[in-house]
Amino acid sequence: MNKKNQILWIICLALFCLNIGYFAGNRVLAKFPKFKIFRFEQNKIDETIDLIRYNYVDTVDLNNLTENVVRKIVQELDPHSAYIPASEAETAGENLEVSFGGIGINFNMVSDTVVVVNVISGGPAEKAGLKSFDRIVSVDDSIIAGKRINQSNIMRILRGPRNSKVMLGILRGQAEELIQFELTRGDIPNYTVDVSFQVSDKIGYIKITRFARSTHNEFLTAVAKLRQEGVTGYIIDLRYNTGGFLDLAYYLSNEFLSKGDMIVYMYGNTYPRQEFRAQGNGICQQAPVVVLINEQSGSASEILAGAIQDNDRGLIIGRRSYGKGVVQQKLDLSDGSELWLTIARYYTPSGRCIQKEYELGKADEYRMDLDNRYWHGEFFTADSIKMNDSLAFKTAGGRTVYGGGGIMPDIFVPSDTTGYTSYYEQLYLSNALDHFILDYSNNHQDTLKQFSDYKALYEYLKGQPLIEELADYAALKGVRKRPTLMAISKDLIEEQMHALIVRNFFSYDGYYPIILKDDPMMLKAIEVIKKDIWKPELYNRYLEVNKDHLQIRTENLEETT
């Protein structure tokens, strides 16, 4: 046998032996499946799943079991890491994108029925013929009215891939028969700047609800519009803004800061330090600026507020922010699910981490923090907030600021409870107030639509006996009339009714100017810009000269018209 044939024979023999071993091994595993786990080293989770797969007495849905295991593992981490199943992954971050696939309506839930509040101009709903105050009873072949479906699930039902079809069954007015509308879902803009308007002479107000892909462009558009109106100073409202993309907070901070100013930096156990500094090309670098925050301003909102505060660029007004100082990264899993994993902590320019304390695996206790703050009195007096001296840091100008639990404002404004009574609380909790507003808007829409601007409609509403009509309406819903308490709450209730009815016809452009006209934080922001004390050092000198205003940090707010 020559050398070439000998090598060929050896190769064939080796392949034959491998095949024999492979088939013999499979026969053994088929007869004794528990031997499978000894084939190679596995982690304990894989071992357990395999033991269950081949030895458990009953059939088990292993996919569901694995989902629960992964979810439980992530729950044992920090409160902001999250597991998103594949079925939810497509829509999980939808509210942070520039747009989404939808039908183009704003809606509210009234007695378990979806009521169209506004139809977005040029959207699929308007093109199909939907109108304000239409009631959506069915979607495709499914009845949704009376099913106690929450608003987030309704949104998932109505949204869908662009160009997909959806059939809506609509009740309109007093009609008893459903009207069928076929809509083709379109590209719906995802606006994050609710409104921008001139709130006082040369002072502009910009309300930002979250930090999404479009936020920076929306902000630049708002500033350009306000500048054309002669605005030179800005109030940035971040109340109830729970955050979003970190880089968007950087872009907005950059508009106010000078070249080289630190905005934020972050690092983690396996994440190297990364710094973000201002480029010096911002369009508001010299403009007076005040930022409004409260206990539900978190994450990216705190980055912007912290950058303004630590660089002594402007004043922060309001209440201590939420205290989220960790960064999540989206990691895709093989089945289409997602892991939003905390990879780093971020730090404000002075070096403080404003993440509030948490224990691994105790997310429920962590979520009680705001309730605990409320009952501790933190929403009503700054003195109830105890800052940790070991977490004291210095701003660029030498002021002391604290880490370890949110951004503490430069000027504390307590929660405004003027007009709050048990009667008002009943109106709110029973939804009688919301239902009355929608019913009133629907029943009087022919009259209310005739007004050309929100100011004219507002003046008309102020002359109507709405408070009496609401009391009668609420009584039919089980909220007993209480004249004394109603008199105490009258101004608060009327202001909310006027603002919400106007919103139904002029959107947020009419709502915010009404609801904010007596807002304590807004009044204080206007005051510090008008008096040219919007920089911390200017404000401190002002307090030194005006000793009688020292309590301004906790109470005795001075109203400004």
Protein backbone atom coordinates (compact mmCIF):
# COMPACT_ATOMS: atom_id res chain seq x y z
CA MET A 1 0.00 0.00 0.00
CA ASN A 2 1.52 3.29 -1.07
CA LYS A 3 1.74 6.25 1.29
CA LYS A 4 -1.14 8.15 -0.36
CA ASN A 5 -3.59 5.24 0.02
CA GLN A 6 -2.44 4.67 3.60
CA ILE A 7 -3.32 8.29 4.55
CA LEU A 8 -6.73 7.98 2.84
CA TRP A 9 -7.43 4.72 4.71
CA ILE A 10 -6.58 6.35 8.08
CA ILE A 11 -8.92 9.29 7.37
CA CYS A 12 -11.81 6.97 6.48
CA LEU A 13 -11.22 4.89 9.61
CA ALA A 14 -11.23 8.01 11.79
CA LEU A 15 -14.50 9.24 10.27
CA PHE A 16 -16.06 5.79 10.77
CA CYS A 17 -15.07 5.78 14.45
CA LEU A 18 -16.46 9.28 14.95
CA ASN A 19 -19.78 8.26 13.43
CA ILE A 20 -19.96 5.13 15.59
CA GLY A 21 -19.26 7.25 18.68
CA TYR A 22 -21.86 9.84 17.68
CA PHE A 23 -24.68 7.31 17.13
CA ALA A 24 -23.74 5.29 20.21
CA GLY A 25 -23.73 8.46 22.31
CA ASN A 26 -27.16 9.47 21.07
CA ARG A 27 -28.54 6.00 21.89
CA VAL A 28 -27.22 6.28 25.46
CA LEU A 29 -28.60 9.82 25.88
CA ALA A 30 -31.98 8.73 24.55
CA LYS A 31 -32.11 5.94 27.14
CA PHE A 32 -30.46 7.87 29.97
CA PRO A 33 -31.17 11.60 29.31
CA LYS A 34 -29.86 12.72 32.70
CA PHE A 35 -26.33 11.85 31.48
CA LYS A 36 -26.68 14.80 29.10
CA ILE A 37 -25.56 17.32 31.72
CA PHE A 38 -22.16 15.63 32.04
CA ARG A 39 -21.25 16.20 28.39
CA PHE A 40 -19.71 19.62 29.14
CA GLU A 41 -19.48 22.15 31.94
CA GLN A 42 -22.66 24.20 32.38
CA ASN A 43 -23.78 26.96 34.69
CA LYS A 44 -26.32 26.11 37.36
CA ILE A 45 -29.26 27.69 35.49
CA ASP A 46 -28.61 25.63 32.32
CA GLU A 47 -28.09 22.52 34.43
CA THR A 48 -31.41 23.02 36.20
CA ILE A 49 -33.33 23.65 32.97
CA ASP A 50 -31.81 20.49 31.41
CA LEU A 51 -32.62 18.37 34.44
CA ILE A 52 -36.21 19.58 34.33
CA ARG A 53 -36.41 19.03 30.54
CA TYR A 54 -35.30 15.37 30.72
CA ASN A 55 -36.44 14.23 34.16
CA TYR A 56 -39.50 16.16 35.34
CA VAL A 57 -42.69 14.15 35.88
CA ASP A 58 -44.96 16.42 33.80
CA THR A 59 -44.63 18.42 30.59
CA VAL A 60 -43.36 21.93 31.31
CA ASP A 61 -43.46 25.04 29.14
CA LEU A 62 -39.72 25.63 29.20
CA ASN A 63 -39.95 28.91 27.30
CA ASN A 64 -42.28 30.35 29.92
CA LEU A 65 -40.08 28.92 32.67
CA THR A 66 -37.00 30.56 31.18
CA GLU A 67 -38.83 33.90 30.84
CA ASN A 68 -39.69 33.81 34.53
CA VAL A 69 -36.14 32.86 35.51
CA VAL A 70 -34.60 35.71 33.50
CA ARG A 71 -37.15 38.18 34.85
CA LYS A 72 -36.42 37.06 38.41
CA ILE A 73 -32.66 37.40 37.91
CA VAL A 74 -33.02 40.97 36.66
CA GLN A 75 -35.35 41.81 39.55
CA GLU A 76 -32.50 40.94 41.91
CA LEU A 77 -30.41 43.78 40.44
CA ASP A 78 -30.93 47.53 40.85
CA PRO A 79 -34.46 49.02 40.46
CA HIS A 80 -33.73 50.49 37.01
CA SER A 81 -32.45 47.38 35.20
CA ALA A 82 -35.30 45.71 33.32
CA TYR A 83 -36.13 42.72 31.16
CA ILE A 84 -38.42 43.39 28.18
CA PRO A 85 -40.06 40.30 26.61
CA ALA A 86 -39.91 39.97 22.83
CA SER A 87 -43.68 40.62 22.61
CA GLU A 88 -43.18 44.07 24.17
CA ALA A 89 -39.76 44.99 22.80
CA GLU A 90 -41.06 46.66 19.62
CA THR A 91 -43.11 49.23 21.52
CA ALA A 92 -41.01 49.51 24.72
CA GLY A 93 -39.05 52.56 23.59
CA GLU A 94 -41.66 53.94 21.20
CA ASN A 95 -42.34 57.09 23.23
CA LEU A 96 -38.71 58.14 22.85
CA GLU A 97 -38.57 57.89 19.08
CA VAL A 98 -39.22 60.70 16.60
CA SER A 99 -42.52 59.16 15.52
CA PHE A 100 -44.64 56.02 15.75
CA GLY A 101 -47.23 54.16 13.70
CA GLY A 102 -50.70 55.23 14.79
CA ILE A 103 -54.05 56.76 13.86
CA GLY A 104 -53.49 60.33 15.10
CA ILE A 105 -55.82 61.01 18.03
CA ASN A 106 -55.63 62.17 21.62
CA PHE A 107 -58.09 60.26 23.77
CA ASN A 108 -59.36 59.87 27.31
CA MET A 109 -61.18 57.08 29.15
CA VAL A 110 -64.72 57.92 30.27
CA SER A 111 -66.71 55.18 32.03
CA ASP A 112 -64.63 52.43 30.39
CA THR A 113 -65.05 53.96 26.94
CA VAL A 114 -62.37 55.55 24.77
CA VAL A 115 -63.42 59.11 23.92
CA VAL A 116 -61.58 61.02 21.19
CA VAL A 117 -60.50 64.37 22.65
CA ASN A 118 -58.56 65.77 19.70
CA VAL A 119 -57.96 64.62 16.14
CA ILE A 120 -54.45 65.43 14.93
CA SER A 121 -54.53 67.62 11.85
CA GLY A 122 -53.56 65.75 8.69
CA GLY A 123 -53.44 62.39 10.44
CA PRO A 124 -55.20 59.15 9.45
CA ALA A 125 -58.11 59.74 11.85
CA GLU A 126 -58.91 63.15 10.38
CA LYS A 127 -58.63 61.82 6.82
CA ALA A 128 -60.99 58.97 7.66
CA GLY A 129 -63.56 61.36 9.18
CA LEU A 130 -63.21 60.87 12.94
CA LYS A 131 -64.25 63.83 15.10
CA SER A 132 -63.66 65.05 18.64
CA PHE A 133 -65.88 63.31 21.22
CA ASP A 134 -66.43 60.23 19.05
CA ARG A 135 -66.51 57.10 21.24
CA ILE A 136 -64.47 54.08 20.10
CA VAL A 137 -66.45 50.93 20.87
CA SER A 138 -64.57 48.34 18.82
CA VAL A 139 -61.18 47.84 17.20
CA ASP A 140 -61.22 45.37 14.31
CA ASP A 141 -63.35 42.49 15.62
CA SER A 142 -62.83 43.16 19.32
CA ILE A 143 -65.13 45.16 21.61
CA ILE A 144 -63.04 47.43 23.85
CA ALA A 145 -65.81 49.50 25.48
CA GLY A 146 -66.73 48.43 29.01
CA LYS A 147 -63.72 46.12 29.30
CA ARG A 148 -61.75 48.14 31.88
CA ILE A 149 -58.73 48.20 29.58
CA ASN A 150 -56.13 50.69 30.85
CA GLN A 151 -54.85 53.53 28.66
CA SER A 152 -51.45 51.98 27.96
CA ASN A 153 -53.11 48.84 26.56
CA ILE A 154 -55.50 50.97 24.48
CA MET A 155 -52.47 52.73 23.00
CA ARG A 156 -50.92 49.38 22.07
CA ILE A 157 -54.19 48.32 20.39
CA LEU A 158 -54.55 51.52 18.38
CA ARG A 159 -50.91 51.78 17.38
CA GLY A 160 -49.31 49.43 14.89
CA PRO A 161 -47.01 49.20 11.88
CA ARG A 162 -47.19 52.10 9.45
CA ASN A 163 -49.51 51.42 6.47
CA SER A 164 -51.34 48.67 8.37
CA LYS A 165 -55.16 48.75 8.37
CA VAL A 166 -57.44 49.04 11.40
CA MET A 167 -61.25 49.08 11.57
CA LEU A 168 -62.90 51.23 14.27
CA GLY A 169 -66.48 51.02 15.43
CA ILE A 170 -67.58 54.52 16.45
CA LEU A 171 -70.57 55.88 18.37
CA ARG A 172 -71.22 59.52 17.52
CA GLY A 173 -73.52 61.87 19.39
CA GLN A 174 -76.85 60.30 20.33
CA ALA A 175 -76.73 57.67 17.58
CA GLU A 176 -77.31 54.07 18.59
CA GLU A 177 -75.76 52.43 15.53
CA LEU A 178 -72.01 51.99 15.19
CA ILE A 179 -70.29 53.79 12.32
CA GLN A 180 -67.42 51.77 10.82
CA PHE A 181 -64.23 53.59 9.84
CA GLU A 182 -61.30 51.90 8.13
CA LEU A 183 -58.02 53.71 8.82
CA THR A 184 -54.54 53.22 7.46
CA ARG A 185 -52.04 53.85 10.23
CA GLY A 186 -49.56 56.57 9.44
CA ASP A 187 -46.43 58.25 10.78
CA ILE A 188 -47.47 60.21 13.89
CA PRO A 189 -45.01 62.81 15.26
CA ASN A 190 -43.93 62.15 18.83
CA TYR A 191 -43.79 65.67 20.27
CA THR A 192 -41.91 66.19 23.54
CA VAL A 193 -42.10 69.99 23.84
CA ASP A 194 -45.72 70.47 24.86
CA VAL A 195 -45.77 74.23 24.48
CA SER A 196 -43.66 77.38 24.23
CA PHE A 197 -45.02 80.86 24.75
CA GLN A 198 -44.11 84.30 26.12
CA VAL A 199 -45.19 84.17 29.74
CA SER A 200 -44.16 87.74 30.60
CA ASP A 201 -42.35 90.62 28.93
CA LYS A 202 -39.28 89.14 27.17
CA ILE A 203 -39.56 85.92 29.20
CA GLY A 204 -40.30 82.65 27.39
CA TYR A 205 -41.62 79.41 28.82
CA ILE A 206 -40.75 75.97 27.36
CA LYS A 207 -42.38 72.79 28.68
CA ILE A 208 -40.38 69.59 27.99
CA THR A 209 -42.16 66.33 28.88
CA ARG A 210 -39.35 63.84 28.10
CA PHE A 211 -35.97 63.59 26.36
CA ALA A 212 -36.61 61.75 23.09
CA ARG A 213 -34.97 61.72 19.65
CA SER A 214 -36.77 64.85 18.51
CA THR A 215 -36.40 66.92 21.70
CA HIS A 216 -33.35 68.94 20.67
CA ASN A 217 -34.83 69.98 17.33
CA GLU A 218 -38.15 70.82 19.01
CA PHE A 219 -36.29 72.93 21.57
CA LEU A 220 -34.37 74.84 18.88
CA THR A 221 -37.66 75.50 17.05
CA ALA A 222 -39.25 76.78 20.27
CA VAL A 223 -36.33 79.11 20.99
CA ALA A 224 -36.40 80.46 17.42
CA LYS A 225 -40.13 81.19 17.70
CA LEU A 226 -39.74 82.92 21.07
CA ARG A 227 -36.83 85.02 19.84
CA GLN A 228 -38.99 86.34 17.04
CA GLU A 229 -41.41 87.49 19.74
CA GLY A 230 -38.63 89.39 21.52
CA VAL A 231 -37.86 86.83 24.25
CA THR A 232 -34.41 87.12 25.87
CA GLY A 233 -34.78 84.88 28.96
CA TYR A 234 -36.10 81.34 29.39
CA ILE A 235 -37.99 79.24 31.91
CA ILE A 236 -37.41 75.54 31.21
CA ASP A 237 -40.10 73.41 32.86
CA LEU A 238 -38.92 69.86 33.63
CA ARG A 239 -41.58 69.03 36.20
CA TYR A 240 -42.88 65.45 35.79
CA ASN A 241 -40.21 64.83 33.14
CA THR A 242 -38.89 61.38 34.05
CA GLY A 243 -36.02 61.51 31.55
CA GLY A 244 -35.10 59.66 28.38
CA PHE A 245 -31.94 59.64 26.29
CA LEU A 246 -28.84 60.92 28.08
CA ASP A 247 -27.35 62.45 24.93
CA LEU A 248 -30.43 64.66 24.51
CA ALA A 249 -29.82 66.13 27.98
CA TYR A 250 -26.27 66.84 26.82
CA TYR A 251 -27.48 68.59 23.65
CA LEU A 252 -29.84 70.86 25.59
CA SER A 253 -27.24 71.64 28.28
CA ASN A 254 -24.79 72.55 25.52
CA GLU A 255 -27.14 75.32 24.35
CA PHE A 256 -26.64 77.19 27.65
CA LEU A 257 -23.02 76.52 28.65
CA SER A 258 -19.65 77.94 27.59
CA LYS A 259 -17.00 75.99 25.75
CA GLY A 260 -15.26 73.45 27.99
CA ASP A 261 -17.87 73.52 30.76
CA MET A 262 -18.44 70.05 32.12
CA ILE A 263 -21.99 68.79 31.54
CA VAL A 264 -21.83 65.25 32.90
CA TYR A 265 -19.45 62.31 33.19
CA MET A 266 -20.09 58.65 33.88
CA TYR A 267 -18.30 55.41 34.59
CA GLY A 268 -19.01 51.92 35.92
CA ASN A 269 -17.35 48.68 36.92
CA THR A 270 -16.63 47.73 33.30
CA TYR A 271 -17.45 51.10 31.73
CA PRO A 272 -14.49 53.51 31.38
CA ARG A 273 -14.94 57.14 32.40
CA GLN A 274 -16.56 59.21 29.68
CA GLU A 275 -16.86 62.98 29.89
CA PHE A 276 -19.26 65.32 28.10
CA ARG A 277 -18.31 68.99 27.84
CA ALA A 278 -19.96 71.97 26.17
CA GLN A 279 -18.73 72.80 22.68
CA GLY A 280 -19.30 76.54 22.95
CA ASN A 281 -21.73 76.72 20.03
CA GLY A 282 -24.98 76.97 22.04
CA ILE A 283 -27.60 79.54 21.08
CA CYS A 284 -28.55 80.51 24.66
CA GLN A 285 -25.13 80.93 26.27
CA GLN A 286 -25.80 84.44 27.61
CA ALA A 287 -29.57 84.25 28.13
CA PRO A 288 -31.09 84.28 31.62
CA VAL A 289 -32.33 80.78 32.45
CA VAL A 290 -34.37 79.22 35.25
CA VAL A 291 -35.13 75.49 35.43
CA LEU A 292 -38.25 74.17 37.19
CA ILE A 293 -38.08 70.70 38.78
CA ASN A 294 -40.08 68.61 41.22
CA GLU A 295 -39.97 65.19 42.83
CA GLN A 296 -40.84 63.49 39.53
CA SER A 297 -38.08 65.11 37.48
CA GLY A 298 -35.59 62.31 36.90
CA SER A 299 -32.63 61.01 34.96
CA ALA A 300 -31.95 63.22 31.91
CA SER A 301 -33.90 66.05 33.59
CA GLU A 302 -31.47 65.87 36.49
CA ILE A 303 -28.50 65.95 34.13
CA LEU A 304 -29.70 69.23 32.62
CA ALA A 305 -30.59 70.73 36.02
CA GLY A 306 -27.29 69.55 37.52
CA ALA A 307 -25.25 71.03 34.67
CA ILE A 308 -26.97 74.40 35.03
CA GLN A 309 -26.60 74.38 38.82
CA ASP A 310 -23.02 73.12 39.12
CA ASN A 311 -21.75 75.60 36.54
CA ASP A 312 -23.62 78.43 38.35
CA ARG A 313 -25.29 79.16 35.02
CA GLY A 314 -28.83 79.76 36.31
CA LEU A 315 -31.23 79.04 39.15
CA ILE A 316 -33.06 75.79 39.86
CA ILE A 317 -36.52 76.38 41.35
CA GLY A 318 -38.93 73.84 42.81
CA ARG A 319 -38.53 70.71 44.94
CA ARG A 320 -35.89 67.99 45.25
CA SER A 321 -35.79 65.88 42.10
CA TYR A 322 -36.33 62.11 41.88
CA GLY A 323 -32.74 60.95 42.27
CA LYS A 324 -31.97 58.64 39.33
CA GLY A 325 -28.25 58.72 38.64
CA VAL A 326 -27.65 55.46 36.78
CA VAL A 327 -27.41 54.77 33.06
CA GLN A 328 -29.03 51.84 31.23
CA GLN A 329 -27.91 50.27 27.97
CA LYS A 330 -30.26 48.23 25.75
CA LEU A 331 -28.83 44.77 25.09
CA ASP A 332 -30.60 42.56 22.53
CA LEU A 333 -31.18 38.89 23.30
CA SER A 334 -31.32 36.17 20.64
CA ASP A 335 -35.11 35.72 20.76
CA GLY A 336 -35.87 39.42 20.21
CA SER A 337 -36.28 40.28 23.89
CA GLU A 338 -34.23 43.05 25.47
CA LEU A 339 -32.20 43.58 28.61
CA TRP A 340 -32.02 47.17 29.82
CA LEU A 341 -28.97 46.83 32.03
CA THR A 342 -27.51 49.46 34.33
CA ILE A 343 -23.91 49.87 33.17
CA ALA A 344 -22.72 53.08 34.85
CA ARG A 345 -23.45 55.91 37.24
CA TYR A 346 -23.41 59.48 36.01
CA TYR A 347 -21.95 62.41 37.90
CA THR A 348 -22.76 66.12 37.72
CA PRO A 349 -19.92 68.59 36.99
CA SER A 350 -19.12 69.07 40.69
CA GLY A 351 -18.59 65.30 41.06
CA ARG A 352 -21.80 64.33 42.81
CA CYS A 353 -23.82 61.22 42.03
CA ILE A 354 -27.44 62.06 42.68
CA GLN A 355 -28.68 58.45 42.67
CA LYS A 356 -30.76 57.83 45.79
CA GLU A 357 -30.01 54.79 47.91
CA TYR A 358 -31.33 51.36 46.98
CA GLU A 359 -30.82 47.73 47.92
CA LEU A 360 -30.44 45.06 45.28
CA GLY A 361 -33.66 43.13 44.74
CA LYS A 362 -35.81 45.57 46.73
CA ALA A 363 -37.48 47.57 43.96
CA ASP A 364 -40.82 47.75 45.79
CA GLU A 365 -39.25 49.54 48.75
CA TYR A 366 -37.40 51.84 46.35
CA ARG A 367 -40.63 52.83 44.63
CA MET A 368 -42.10 53.88 47.99
CA ASP A 369 -39.54 56.68 48.28
CA LEU A 370 -41.82 59.43 46.95
CA ASP A 371 -44.63 58.37 49.28
CA ASN A 372 -42.20 58.45 52.18
CA ARG A 373 -41.01 61.92 51.17
CA TYR A 374 -44.60 63.13 51.10
CA TRP A 375 -45.49 61.78 54.53
CA HIS A 376 -42.22 63.09 55.93
CA GLY A 377 -43.28 66.59 54.86
CA GLU A 378 -40.58 67.13 52.26
CA PHE A 379 -43.01 68.49 49.68
CA PHE A 380 -44.03 71.29 52.03
CA THR A 381 -40.87 72.49 53.79
CA ALA A 382 -37.20 72.41 52.89
CA ASP A 383 -36.26 71.94 56.55
CA SER A 384 -37.54 68.35 56.43
CA ILE A 385 -34.84 67.44 53.89
CA LYS A 386 -31.67 66.19 55.57
CA MET A 387 -28.62 66.28 53.31
CA ASN A 388 -25.56 64.13 54.02
CA ASP A 389 -22.55 66.33 54.83
CA SER A 390 -20.20 63.58 53.63
CA LEU A 391 -21.70 64.03 50.14
CA ALA A 392 -21.09 67.80 49.95
CA PHE A 393 -19.53 69.18 46.76
CA LYS A 394 -18.69 72.63 45.38
CA THR A 395 -20.06 74.32 42.28
CA ALA A 396 -17.85 76.29 39.90
CA GLY A 397 -18.55 79.39 42.02
CA GLY A 398 -17.88 77.69 45.35
CA ARG A 399 -21.43 77.02 46.50
CA THR A 400 -22.16 73.83 48.42
CA VAL A 401 -24.37 71.23 46.75
CA TYR A 402 -25.13 67.66 47.80
CA GLY A 403 -25.18 64.25 46.18
CA GLY A 404 -26.91 61.07 47.22
CA GLY A 405 -30.53 61.74 46.33
CA GLY A 406 -31.65 64.11 43.60
CA ILE A 407 -31.01 67.77 42.77
CA MET A 408 -31.88 70.15 45.60
CA PRO A 409 -33.20 73.40 44.08
CA ASP A 410 -31.62 76.79 44.77
CA ILE A 411 -35.08 78.15 45.63
CA PHE A 412 -37.47 75.74 47.31
CA VAL A 413 -41.16 76.14 46.46
CA PRO A 414 -43.54 73.96 48.48
CA SER A 415 -46.35 71.97 46.94
CA ASP A 416 -49.35 74.27 46.53
CA THR A 417 -52.37 72.83 48.36
CA THR A 418 -54.50 75.97 48.17
CA GLY A 419 -58.10 74.92 47.65
CA TYR A 420 -57.50 71.23 48.40
CA THR A 421 -60.41 69.76 50.37
CA SER A 422 -61.94 66.33 50.80
CA TYR A 423 -64.69 67.42 48.38
CA TYR A 424 -62.12 68.24 45.68
CA GLU A 425 -60.41 64.92 46.37
CA GLN A 426 -63.69 63.07 45.83
CA LEU A 427 -64.27 64.89 42.54
CA TYR A 428 -60.81 63.90 41.40
CA LEU A 429 -60.75 60.28 42.57
CA SER A 430 -64.26 59.53 41.28
CA ASN A 431 -63.33 60.98 37.83
CA ALA A 432 -66.47 63.12 38.09
CA LEU A 433 -64.45 66.21 37.20
CA ASP A 434 -62.91 64.68 34.07
CA HIS A 435 -66.21 63.17 32.96
CA PHE A 436 -68.04 66.47 33.40
CA ILE A 437 -65.44 68.32 31.34
CA LEU A 438 -65.72 65.86 28.45
CA ASP A 439 -69.51 65.78 28.56
CA TYR A 440 -69.72 69.56 28.75
CA SER A 441 -67.30 69.95 25.83
CA ASN A 442 -69.24 67.43 23.78
CA ASN A 443 -72.70 68.81 24.55
CA HIS A 444 -71.67 72.43 23.88
CA GLN A 445 -69.19 71.88 21.08
CA ASP A 446 -71.17 73.86 18.50
CA THR A 447 -70.89 76.94 20.71
CA LEU A 448 -67.34 76.34 21.95
CA LYS A 449 -65.93 75.75 18.46
CA GLN A 450 -66.96 79.23 17.34
CA PHE A 451 -64.19 80.99 19.27
CA SER A 452 -61.16 81.90 17.17
CA ASP A 453 -58.58 81.78 19.98
CA TYR A 454 -58.25 80.31 23.46
CA LYS A 455 -58.40 83.68 25.20
CA ALA A 456 -61.88 84.39 23.86
CA LEU A 457 -63.09 80.92 24.87
CA TYR A 458 -61.54 81.34 28.31
CA GLU A 459 -63.37 84.64 28.87
CA TYR A 460 -66.63 83.03 27.79
CA LEU A 461 -66.17 80.10 30.20
CA LYS A 462 -65.49 82.43 33.11
CA GLY A 463 -69.00 83.79 32.67
CA GLN A 464 -70.68 80.37 32.77
CA PRO A 465 -72.08 78.72 35.95
CA LEU A 466 -69.76 75.71 35.59
CA ILE A 467 -69.20 75.13 39.29
CA GLU A 468 -72.93 74.72 39.93
CA GLU A 469 -73.35 72.45 36.93
CA LEU A 470 -70.40 70.33 38.08
CA ALA A 471 -71.87 69.98 41.59
CA ASP A 472 -75.18 68.73 40.16
CA TYR A 473 -73.40 66.39 37.76
CA ALA A 474 -71.12 64.98 40.48
CA ALA A 475 -74.07 64.43 42.81
CA LEU A 476 -75.63 62.13 40.21
CA LYS A 477 -72.31 60.22 40.22
CA GLY A 478 -72.41 59.76 43.98
CA VAL A 479 -70.32 62.73 45.13
CA ARG A 480 -72.43 64.45 47.78
CA LYS A 481 -72.74 68.24 47.61
CA ARG A 482 -70.76 69.99 50.33
CA PRO A 483 -71.28 73.76 49.86
CA THR A 484 -68.74 74.90 52.46
CA LEU A 485 -65.91 72.77 51.08
CA MET A 486 -66.94 73.56 47.51
CA ALA A 487 -66.58 77.28 48.28
CA ILE A 488 -63.04 76.68 49.57
CA SER A 489 -62.11 74.72 46.44
CA LYS A 490 -64.03 76.92 44.00
CA ASP A 491 -61.06 78.81 42.48
CA LEU A 492 -58.99 75.64 42.09
CA ILE A 493 -61.84 73.67 40.48
CA GLU A 494 -62.83 76.47 38.13
CA GLU A 495 -59.24 77.01 36.99
CA GLN A 496 -58.87 73.32 36.16
CA MET A 497 -62.24 73.17 34.40
CA HIS A 498 -61.46 76.25 32.29
CA ALA A 499 -58.00 74.96 31.34
CA LEU A 500 -59.17 71.45 30.46
CA ILE A 501 -62.17 72.59 28.42
CA VAL A 502 -59.95 75.01 26.52
CA ARG A 503 -57.46 72.18 25.94
CA ASN A 504 -60.18 70.16 24.23
CA PHE A 505 -60.41 72.85 21.54
CA PHE A 506 -56.97 74.55 21.49
CA SER A 507 -54.70 71.78 22.79
CA TYR A 508 -51.79 72.73 25.07
CA ASP A 509 -51.45 76.17 23.50
CA GLY A 510 -54.54 77.15 25.46
CA TYR A 511 -54.17 74.85 28.45
CA TYR A 512 -50.79 75.92 29.84
CA PRO A 513 -51.29 79.72 29.84
CA ILE A 514 -54.41 79.21 31.98
CA ILE A 515 -53.17 76.52 34.36
CA LEU A 516 -49.86 78.33 34.98
CA LYS A 517 -51.07 81.88 35.54
CA ASP A 518 -51.15 81.43 39.33
CA ASP A 519 -48.50 78.71 39.56
CA PRO A 520 -46.09 79.54 42.45
CA MET A 521 -42.99 78.14 40.71
CA MET A 522 -43.77 80.06 37.56
CA LEU A 523 -44.33 83.29 39.49
CA LYS A 524 -41.03 82.87 41.31
CA ALA A 525 -39.17 82.14 38.05
CA ILE A 526 -40.62 85.27 36.46
CA GLU A 527 -39.60 87.28 39.52
CA VAL A 528 -35.94 86.25 39.55
CA ILE A 529 -35.55 86.92 35.81
CA LYS A 530 -37.31 90.29 36.01
CA LYS A 531 -35.17 91.37 38.97
CA ASP A 532 -32.04 90.15 37.16
CA ILE A 533 -31.11 87.79 39.99
CA TRP A 534 -31.25 84.60 37.93
CA LYS A 535 -27.58 83.73 38.54
CA PRO A 536 -26.82 82.18 41.94
CA GLU A 537 -24.25 84.82 42.90
CA LEU A 538 -26.67 87.62 41.95
CA TYR A 539 -29.45 85.96 43.91
CA ASN A 540 -27.25 85.54 47.00
CA ARG A 541 -26.27 89.22 46.92
CA TYR A 542 -29.96 90.08 46.56
CA LEU A 543 -30.75 88.07 49.69
CA GLU A 544 -27.97 89.79 51.63
CA VAL A 545 -29.40 93.20 50.79
CA ASN A 546 -33.02 92.10 51.34
CA LYS A 547 -32.78 90.36 54.71
CA ASP A 548 -36.54 90.24 55.03
CA HIS A 549 -36.69 87.90 52.02
CA LEU A 550 -34.43 85.23 53.51
CA GLN A 551 -37.39 82.91 54.08
CA ILE A 552 -38.02 82.91 50.34
CA ARG A 553 -36.24 79.55 50.19
CA THR A 554 -39.00 77.85 52.12
CA GLU A 555 -42.13 79.98 52.10
CA ASN A 556 -43.58 83.49 51.78
CA LEU A 557 -43.54 83.53 48.01
CA GLU A 558 -43.81 87.00 46.52
CA GLU A 559 -46.24 87.08 43.65
CA THR A 560 -45.27 88.96 40.50
CA THR A 561 -47.66 90.18 37.86
